[in-house]
């Protein structure tokens, strides 16, 4: 295993940020830590990258203990924190050269690893990092995390605040890096990105809800989901929650995701109920279960 956590816990005063978490990541795997802000993702990343000591438990990265072998770990991992943390007053090229020098290497030595990413920002190599767009900052940070050819790459919410096109490009880059044998642990609050991982751990309030492939987690959802829409979405949600047979109700994009307590759910009965409440232009249609649906179900248990 490339990453192993056993009963890791961490508290900040009375707040339990990470509560006896255990999981492992296989060598060469793209593993996702999926959960909302405050779930404990960043604390786990800081423990694994030796920036923070756990209160309890043990962990290892690339065969090295996070406490005893912290220097070895720092030489063998790449870490891209959630906030842009490169030197804003240095140019693109100067930042990359600086990080290469720290690890005793050169841009040329490991250029093959970053080539596909760097060629996208090379036209701006003389521009200060602080003047780059969000997507370009993201690519530069990834290049700097890779320049010493790490065995394990940690990416803490790398696409937060980045436009959809740059998000898509970023995940395509991760897939190419995975093909080069790099183990990748990525955290994200975006549930649609979870489906792009080999396996995921859903996390909430410092606890793991479930670990499996995205496909298997979705398969475990116990109910059929329906998309519901009406002329007044606020009133729709209020009235669906009043419906005696509702199992779950929550907004999902332009629809409301609804599940019924009964196996023999009849949409016509619900339409009649909603029309009696004054709602109009009601549509109800079955829809596919998503990772977000599975997360909502697990989080309420």
Protein backbone atom coordinates (compact mmCIF):
# COMPACT_ATOMS: atom_id res chain seq x y z
CA UNK A 1 0.00 0.00 0.00
CA UNK A 2 1.20 3.51 -0.82
CA UNK A 3 -0.74 5.26 1.98
CA UNK A 4 -1.98 3.67 5.21
CA UNK A 5 -3.92 5.33 8.03
CA UNK A 6 -4.86 3.44 11.19
CA UNK A 7 -7.20 5.03 13.74
CA UNK A 8 -5.94 8.58 13.13
CA UNK A 9 -7.52 11.22 15.37
CA UNK A 10 -6.92 14.96 15.74
CA UNK A 11 -8.67 17.55 17.89
CA UNK A 12 -8.42 21.32 18.07
CA UNK A 13 -9.50 22.09 21.62
CA UNK A 14 -12.99 20.63 21.99
CA UNK A 15 -13.42 20.19 18.24
CA UNK A 16 -12.79 16.65 16.95
CA UNK A 17 -11.55 17.35 13.43
CA UNK A 18 -10.61 13.73 12.63
CA UNK A 19 -12.16 10.85 14.54
CA UNK A 20 -10.36 7.46 14.45
CA UNK A 21 -10.06 7.35 10.66
CA UNK A 22 -8.59 4.33 8.87
CA UNK A 23 -8.13 3.74 5.16
CA UNK A 24 -5.44 2.81 2.65
CA UNK A 25 -4.50 3.84 -0.87
CA UNK A 26 -2.98 1.36 -3.29
CA UNK A 27 0.16 2.11 -5.27
CA UNK A 28 -0.72 3.92 -8.50
CA UNK A 29 -4.32 4.55 -7.40
CA UNK A 30 -6.27 7.79 -7.83
CA UNK A 31 -8.10 8.00 -4.51
CA UNK A 32 -10.59 10.71 -3.60
CA UNK A 33 -11.40 12.11 -0.17
CA UNK A 34 -14.88 13.53 -0.70
CA UNK A 35 -16.74 15.79 1.70
CA UNK A 36 -17.87 19.36 2.47
CA UNK A 37 -15.75 22.10 4.01
CA UNK A 38 -14.96 21.32 7.64
CA UNK A 39 -15.20 17.54 7.15
CA UNK A 40 -11.55 16.97 8.12
CA UNK A 41 -9.94 16.58 4.68
CA UNK A 42 -7.22 19.21 5.10
CA UNK A 43 -6.29 17.96 8.58
CA UNK A 44 -5.75 14.47 7.15
CA UNK A 45 -3.59 15.89 4.35
CA UNK A 46 -1.47 17.85 6.81
CA UNK A 47 -0.92 14.76 8.95
CA UNK A 48 0.09 12.66 5.94
CA UNK A 49 2.48 15.33 4.64
CA UNK A 50 4.11 15.66 8.11
CA UNK A 51 2.89 19.23 8.68
CA UNK A 52 0.76 18.21 11.65
CA UNK A 53 1.00 15.53 14.34
CA UNK A 54 -2.01 13.31 15.01
CA UNK A 55 -3.22 12.91 18.60
CA UNK A 56 -3.68 9.16 18.15
CA UNK A 57 -3.11 6.48 15.53
CA UNK A 58 -0.41 5.70 12.99
CA UNK A 59 0.11 6.50 9.32
CA UNK A 60 2.64 5.79 6.61
CA UNK A 61 3.28 7.19 3.13
CA UNK A 62 5.36 5.35 0.50
CA UNK A 63 6.52 2.98 3.23
CA UNK A 64 7.68 5.76 5.57
CA UNK A 65 6.20 6.50 9.00
CA UNK A 66 4.78 10.04 9.15
CA UNK A 67 6.45 10.70 12.53
CA UNK A 68 9.74 8.79 12.46
CA UNK A 69 10.53 9.28 8.77
CA UNK A 70 9.17 12.77 8.16
CA UNK A 71 12.26 13.90 6.21
CA UNK A 72 12.03 10.93 3.84
CA UNK A 73 8.33 11.60 3.27
CA UNK A 74 8.98 15.25 2.39
CA UNK A 75 11.48 14.12 -0.24
CA UNK A 76 9.11 11.61 -1.82
CA UNK A 77 5.76 13.42 -1.91
CA UNK A 78 4.33 16.36 -3.79
CA UNK A 79 1.80 18.56 -2.01
CA UNK A 80 -0.56 21.09 -3.54
CA UNK A 81 -2.50 22.87 -0.77
CA UNK A 82 -5.96 24.29 -1.24
CA UNK A 83 -4.79 27.89 -1.30
CA UNK A 84 -2.28 29.10 -3.88
CA UNK A 85 0.97 29.12 -1.91
CA UNK A 86 3.70 29.85 -4.44
CA UNK A 87 5.73 33.05 -4.50
CA UNK A 88 3.50 35.65 -6.12
CA UNK A 89 6.37 38.05 -6.89
CA UNK A 90 8.42 35.41 -8.69
CA UNK A 91 7.77 34.55 -12.32
CA UNK A 92 6.43 31.19 -13.47
CA UNK A 93 9.93 30.04 -14.41
CA UNK A 94 11.51 31.37 -11.22
CA UNK A 95 8.99 29.51 -9.04
CA UNK A 96 9.66 26.26 -10.87
CA UNK A 97 13.43 26.69 -10.70
CA UNK A 98 13.22 27.50 -6.99
CA UNK A 99 11.30 24.32 -6.14
CA UNK A 100 13.57 22.21 -8.34
CA UNK A 101 16.61 23.59 -6.51
CA UNK A 102 15.11 22.83 -3.08
CA UNK A 103 14.82 19.17 -4.04
CA UNK A 104 18.27 19.05 -5.61
CA UNK A 105 17.05 18.61 -9.17
CA UNK A 106 16.51 20.70 -12.30
CA UNK A 107 13.59 21.47 -14.58
CA UNK A 108 15.37 19.65 -17.41
CA UNK A 109 15.90 16.45 -15.40
CA UNK A 110 12.20 15.82 -14.80
CA UNK A 111 10.78 17.82 -17.69
CA UNK A 112 9.13 14.73 -19.20
CA UNK A 113 6.89 14.48 -16.14
CA UNK A 114 5.60 18.05 -16.30
CA UNK A 115 5.84 18.64 -20.05
CA UNK A 116 2.13 18.17 -20.85
CA UNK A 117 1.22 20.67 -18.12
CA UNK A 118 4.09 23.14 -18.48
CA UNK A 119 3.64 23.72 -22.21
CA UNK A 120 0.26 25.30 -21.38
CA UNK A 121 1.85 27.92 -19.14
CA UNK A 122 5.23 28.26 -20.89
CA UNK A 123 4.05 31.27 -22.97
CA UNK A 124 3.65 33.07 -19.62
CA UNK A 125 6.94 31.89 -18.08
CA UNK A 126 8.11 35.47 -17.50
CA UNK A 127 4.85 36.59 -15.89
CA UNK A 128 4.68 36.91 -12.10
CA UNK A 129 2.70 34.12 -10.50
CA UNK A 130 0.38 36.59 -8.77
CA UNK A 131 -0.77 37.89 -12.16
CA UNK A 132 -1.84 34.49 -13.51
CA UNK A 133 -5.46 33.40 -13.91
CA UNK A 134 -6.89 30.79 -11.51
CA UNK A 135 -6.45 27.97 -14.00
CA UNK A 136 -2.84 28.96 -14.79
CA UNK A 137 -1.99 29.23 -11.07
CA UNK A 138 -3.36 25.74 -10.65
CA UNK A 139 -1.15 24.36 -13.43
CA UNK A 140 1.95 26.11 -12.06
CA UNK A 141 1.29 24.75 -8.55
CA UNK A 142 0.93 21.26 -9.97
CA UNK A 143 4.23 21.59 -11.90
CA UNK A 144 6.01 22.71 -8.72
CA UNK A 145 4.57 19.75 -6.78
CA UNK A 146 5.81 17.35 -9.48
CA UNK A 147 9.23 18.77 -10.31
CA UNK A 148 11.11 16.36 -8.00
CA UNK A 149 9.25 13.30 -9.38
CA UNK A 150 7.32 12.33 -6.22
CA UNK A 151 6.02 8.83 -5.53
CA UNK A 152 2.81 10.20 -4.00
CA UNK A 153 0.93 13.36 -4.94
CA UNK A 154 -1.39 15.11 -2.45
CA UNK A 155 -3.89 17.57 -3.90
CA UNK A 156 -6.06 19.37 -1.37
CA UNK A 157 -9.17 20.77 -3.10
CA UNK A 158 -7.14 21.71 -6.20
CA UNK A 159 -10.11 22.83 -8.31
CA UNK A 160 -11.90 25.06 -5.79
CA UNK A 161 -12.66 28.43 -7.39
CA UNK A 162 -11.50 27.28 -10.84
CA UNK A 163 -13.71 27.57 -13.94
CA UNK A 164 -15.38 24.41 -15.32
CA UNK A 165 -13.09 24.16 -18.37
CA UNK A 166 -9.94 24.33 -16.22
CA UNK A 167 -11.45 21.76 -13.82
CA UNK A 168 -11.98 19.34 -16.72
CA UNK A 169 -8.44 19.91 -18.02
CA UNK A 170 -7.01 19.39 -14.55
CA UNK A 171 -8.64 15.97 -14.12
CA UNK A 172 -7.43 14.92 -17.55
CA UNK A 173 -3.90 15.82 -16.39
CA UNK A 174 -4.35 13.73 -13.24
CA UNK A 175 -5.34 10.70 -15.31
CA UNK A 176 -2.16 11.08 -17.40
CA UNK A 177 -0.03 11.39 -14.26
CA UNK A 178 -1.62 8.25 -12.85
CA UNK A 179 -0.55 6.38 -15.99
CA UNK A 180 3.04 7.29 -15.10
CA UNK A 181 2.74 5.33 -11.85
CA UNK A 182 2.18 8.20 -9.39
CA UNK A 183 -0.18 7.53 -6.49
CA UNK A 184 -2.64 10.41 -6.17
CA UNK A 185 -4.73 11.36 -3.14
CA UNK A 186 -7.09 14.22 -3.97
CA UNK A 187 -9.71 15.92 -1.82
CA UNK A 188 -12.69 17.77 -3.21
CA UNK A 189 -16.09 19.09 -2.11
CA UNK A 190 -17.38 18.58 -5.67
CA UNK A 191 -19.38 15.38 -5.86
CA UNK A 192 -19.18 15.20 -9.67
CA UNK A 193 -15.38 14.87 -9.39
CA UNK A 194 -15.77 11.84 -7.16
CA UNK A 195 -16.86 9.73 -10.13
CA UNK A 196 -13.44 10.34 -11.75
CA UNK A 197 -11.56 8.54 -8.95
CA UNK A 198 -10.74 4.83 -8.75
CA UNK A 199 -12.02 4.69 -5.17
CA UNK A 200 -13.39 7.29 -2.80
CA UNK A 201 -13.86 7.82 0.92
CA UNK A 202 -16.93 9.88 1.83
CA UNK A 203 -16.16 11.94 4.93
CA UNK A 204 -18.37 14.06 7.20
CA UNK A 205 -17.58 15.63 10.59
CA UNK A 206 -14.23 13.86 10.79
CA UNK A 207 -15.66 10.39 10.20
CA UNK A 208 -15.57 8.09 7.18
CA UNK A 209 -19.09 7.27 5.98
CA UNK A 210 -18.12 4.73 3.31
CA UNK A 211 -15.13 3.66 1.19
CA UNK A 212 -15.60 1.98 -2.19
CA UNK A 213 -15.58 2.63 -5.92
CA UNK A 214 -17.97 5.40 -7.01
CA UNK A 215 -20.04 2.83 -8.91
CA UNK A 216 -20.47 0.58 -5.86
CA UNK A 217 -21.33 3.46 -3.53
CA UNK A 218 -24.07 4.63 -5.90
CA UNK A 219 -25.32 1.04 -6.20
CA UNK A 220 -25.88 0.87 -2.43
CA UNK A 221 -28.47 3.67 -2.48
CA UNK A 222 -31.68 2.04 -1.18
CA UNK A 223 -34.39 3.97 -3.05
CA UNK A 224 -35.45 5.13 -6.51
CA UNK A 225 -34.97 8.87 -7.04
CA UNK A 226 -37.27 11.21 -8.94
CA UNK A 227 -36.62 14.68 -10.33
CA UNK A 228 -39.48 17.03 -9.48
CA UNK A 229 -40.06 20.53 -10.80
CA UNK A 230 -42.87 23.09 -10.40
CA UNK A 231 -43.59 26.77 -10.97
CA UNK A 232 -42.56 27.67 -7.38
CA UNK A 233 -39.57 25.65 -6.23
CA UNK A 234 -39.56 27.04 -2.69
CA UNK A 235 -43.20 26.06 -2.14
CA UNK A 236 -42.48 22.72 -3.82
CA UNK A 237 -39.81 21.83 -1.25
CA UNK A 238 -42.01 22.94 1.65
CA UNK A 239 -44.94 20.83 0.47
CA UNK A 240 -42.88 17.76 -0.41
CA UNK A 241 -41.62 17.78 3.17
CA UNK A 242 -45.25 17.81 4.32
CA UNK A 243 -46.15 14.80 2.16
CA UNK A 244 -46.67 11.86 4.49
CA UNK A 245 -44.87 9.34 2.27
CA UNK A 246 -41.66 11.31 1.67
CA UNK A 247 -38.37 9.60 2.52
CA UNK A 248 -36.04 12.43 1.48
CA UNK A 249 -36.34 15.83 -0.19
CA UNK A 250 -33.50 18.15 -1.20
CA UNK A 251 -32.71 20.61 -4.02
CA UNK A 252 -30.53 19.31 -6.84
CA UNK A 253 -29.73 21.83 -9.57
CA UNK A 254 -32.92 22.93 -11.29
CA UNK A 255 -34.87 20.03 -9.73
CA UNK A 256 -35.77 18.63 -6.34
CA UNK A 257 -34.56 15.09 -5.70
CA UNK A 258 -37.38 13.13 -4.10
CA UNK A 259 -37.55 9.58 -2.74
CA UNK A 260 -40.68 7.91 -1.49
CA UNK A 261 -41.07 5.59 1.50
CA UNK A 262 -43.14 3.15 -0.57
CA UNK A 263 -41.83 0.70 -3.13
CA UNK A 264 -45.00 1.14 -5.21
CA UNK A 265 -44.72 4.95 -5.48
CA UNK A 266 -47.35 6.43 -7.84
CA UNK A 267 -46.30 9.86 -9.19
CA UNK A 268 -49.91 10.73 -10.05
CA UNK A 269 -50.87 10.70 -6.35
CA UNK A 270 -48.06 13.15 -5.56
CA UNK A 271 -49.02 15.42 -8.47
CA UNK A 272 -52.59 15.54 -7.15
CA UNK A 273 -51.32 16.37 -3.64
CA UNK A 274 -49.13 19.19 -4.94
CA UNK A 275 -51.87 20.62 -7.18
CA UNK A 276 -54.18 20.74 -4.18
CA UNK A 277 -51.48 22.85 -2.49
CA UNK A 278 -51.67 25.35 -5.37
CA UNK A 279 -48.58 24.32 -7.34
CA UNK A 280 -48.64 24.30 -11.15
CA UNK A 281 -46.53 23.00 -14.06
CA UNK A 282 -45.47 19.96 -12.05
CA UNK A 283 -43.17 17.41 -13.66
CA UNK A 284 -42.00 14.17 -12.06
CA UNK A 285 -39.53 11.83 -13.74
CA UNK A 286 -37.16 9.08 -12.57
CA UNK A 287 -33.46 9.95 -12.52
CA UNK A 288 -30.08 8.29 -11.98
CA UNK A 289 -28.58 8.12 -8.49
CA UNK A 290 -25.45 10.24 -8.02
CA UNK A 291 -22.59 10.28 -5.52
CA UNK A 292 -24.25 13.30 -3.92
CA UNK A 293 -27.45 11.33 -3.34
CA UNK A 294 -25.44 8.54 -1.73
CA UNK A 295 -23.58 11.04 0.44
CA UNK A 296 -26.82 12.68 1.63
CA UNK A 297 -28.22 9.27 2.55
CA UNK A 298 -25.10 8.21 4.47
CA UNK A 299 -24.76 11.57 6.23
CA UNK A 300 -28.22 11.35 7.80
CA UNK A 301 -27.72 7.87 9.25
